[in-house]
Protein backbone atom coordinates (compact mmCIF):
# COMPACT_ATOMS: atom_id res chain seq x y z
CA MET A 1 0.45 -16.63 4.10
CA ILE A 2 -0.66 -12.99 3.94
CA LYS A 3 2.87 -11.90 3.12
CA LEU A 4 2.96 -14.30 0.15
CA LEU A 5 -0.32 -12.89 -1.18
CA ILE A 6 1.00 -9.35 -0.87
CA LEU A 7 4.24 -10.30 -2.64
CA ALA A 8 2.20 -11.99 -5.38
CA THR A 9 0.21 -8.77 -5.81
CA ILE A 10 3.44 -6.79 -6.18
CA LEU A 11 4.80 -9.32 -8.69
CA ILE A 12 1.58 -9.30 -10.74
CA GLY A 13 1.69 -5.49 -10.89
CA LEU A 14 5.35 -5.50 -11.91
CA LEU A 15 4.73 -8.05 -14.66
CA GLY A 16 1.80 -6.00 -15.90
CA VAL A 17 3.94 -2.87 -16.11
CA LEU A 18 6.70 -4.70 -17.97
CA LEU A 19 4.66 -6.89 -20.34
CA LYS A 20 1.51 -4.96 -21.27
CA ARG A 21 1.53 -2.65 -24.29
CA ASN A 22 -1.68 -0.73 -23.57
CA LEU A 23 -1.00 2.39 -21.52
CA LEU A 24 -4.18 2.11 -19.46
CA LEU A 25 -3.32 -1.46 -18.51
CA LYS A 26 0.19 -0.33 -17.55
CA ILE A 27 -1.29 2.38 -15.32
CA LEU A 28 -3.69 -0.12 -13.74
CA ALA A 29 -0.82 -2.57 -13.14
CA MET A 30 1.23 0.20 -11.55
CA ASP A 31 -1.67 0.97 -9.22
CA VAL A 32 -1.94 -2.73 -8.28
CA MET A 33 1.79 -2.81 -7.55
CA GLY A 34 1.54 0.34 -5.42
CA THR A 35 -1.36 -1.15 -3.48
CA GLY A 36 0.72 -4.26 -2.80
CA ILE A 37 3.65 -2.19 -1.57
CA ILE A 38 1.43 -0.14 0.73
CA SER A 39 -0.12 -3.37 2.04
CA LEU A 40 3.36 -4.73 2.75
CA PHE A 41 4.22 -1.64 4.78
CA VAL A 42 0.91 -1.83 6.65
CA LEU A 43 1.62 -5.47 7.48
CA ALA A 44 5.11 -4.60 8.72
CA ALA A 45 3.82 -1.69 10.83
CA SER A 46 1.02 -3.69 12.44
CA ARG A 47 3.27 -6.36 13.93
CA ASN A 48 4.01 -4.29 17.01
CA GLY A 49 0.43 -4.23 18.23
CA ASN A 50 -3.12 -3.23 17.56
CA ARG A 51 -3.87 -0.88 20.43
CA THR A 52 -3.90 2.88 20.13
CA PRO A 53 -1.12 4.65 22.03
CA THR A 54 -2.83 6.66 24.75
CA VAL A 55 -1.55 8.51 27.78
CA ILE A 56 -2.52 6.28 30.69
CA PRO A 57 -0.68 5.30 33.88
CA ASN A 58 0.00 1.69 32.78
CA PRO A 59 0.49 1.67 28.99
CA PRO A 60 0.16 -1.66 27.18
CA ASP A 61 3.33 -3.26 25.91
CA ALA A 62 2.20 -3.69 22.32
CA TYR A 63 0.71 -0.64 20.68
CA ALA A 64 0.49 0.54 17.10
CA ASP A 65 3.04 3.19 16.18
CA PRO A 66 1.27 6.20 14.60
CA VAL A 67 4.27 7.38 12.56
CA PRO A 68 4.20 4.53 9.99
CA GLN A 69 0.45 4.99 9.74
CA ALA A 70 0.91 8.65 8.85
CA VAL A 71 3.60 7.78 6.30
CA ILE A 72 1.35 5.16 4.70
CA LEU A 73 -1.54 7.62 4.54
CA THR A 74 0.76 10.10 2.80
CA ALA A 75 1.89 7.38 0.37
CA ILE A 76 -1.74 6.59 -0.48
CA VAL A 77 -2.46 10.25 -1.26
CA ILE A 78 0.68 10.61 -3.37
CA GLY A 79 -0.12 7.38 -5.21
CA PHE A 80 -3.62 8.64 -5.99
CA SER A 81 -2.27 11.93 -7.33
CA ILE A 82 0.29 10.14 -9.52
CA LEU A 83 -2.44 7.83 -10.82
CA SER A 84 -4.67 10.76 -11.74
CA LEU A 85 -1.78 12.56 -13.43
CA LEU A 86 -0.94 9.45 -15.46
CA LEU A 87 -4.56 9.08 -16.54
CA VAL A 88 -4.59 12.70 -17.73
CA CYS A 89 -1.38 12.07 -19.68
CA ALA A 90 -2.87 8.91 -21.21
CA THR A 91 -6.02 10.73 -22.31
CA THR A 92 -3.86 13.50 -23.82
CA LEU A 93 -1.90 10.88 -25.75
CA ALA A 94 -5.16 9.23 -26.83
CA LYS A 95 -6.35 12.55 -28.25
CA ARG A 96 -3.08 13.18 -30.06
CA TYR A 97 -2.58 9.65 -31.40
CA PRO A 98 -5.46 7.31 -32.26
CA THR A 99 -3.99 4.48 -30.16
CA LEU A 100 -2.90 3.67 -26.62
CA ASP A 101 -0.35 1.06 -27.71
CA SER A 102 2.98 2.16 -26.27
CA HIS A 103 5.02 0.64 -29.11
CA ASP A 104 3.01 2.51 -31.74
CA ILE A 105 3.33 5.81 -29.86
CA GLU A 106 7.10 5.37 -29.40
CA GLY A 107 7.54 4.58 -33.11
CA ARG A 108 5.95 7.82 -34.30
CA SER A 109 8.25 10.67 -35.25
CA ASP A 110 5.75 13.52 -34.66
CA PRO A 111 7.24 16.35 -32.58
């Protein structure tokens, strides 16, 4: 059930990126899609166990692997930096052109 909700989140974000014309809505949809993808990886990484791997004489069989957790944390930071860069680009375009409609911006021939 959780996997279906995560896949629905990814699909909603993808449809938003493809169908919306407003640049801010496209950026928001891309962030929703990225959140869904990170959630999917977190779900896949948590299936092994929930315990912290510690150095003890009798380790538990199911423990959480710290490597996927570190990769996901890095993906979250990179996603945040890309989101902030896209918002800066959108505000620059909003200053240059009086619209955020992607079709209107693509149709202009200004250098």
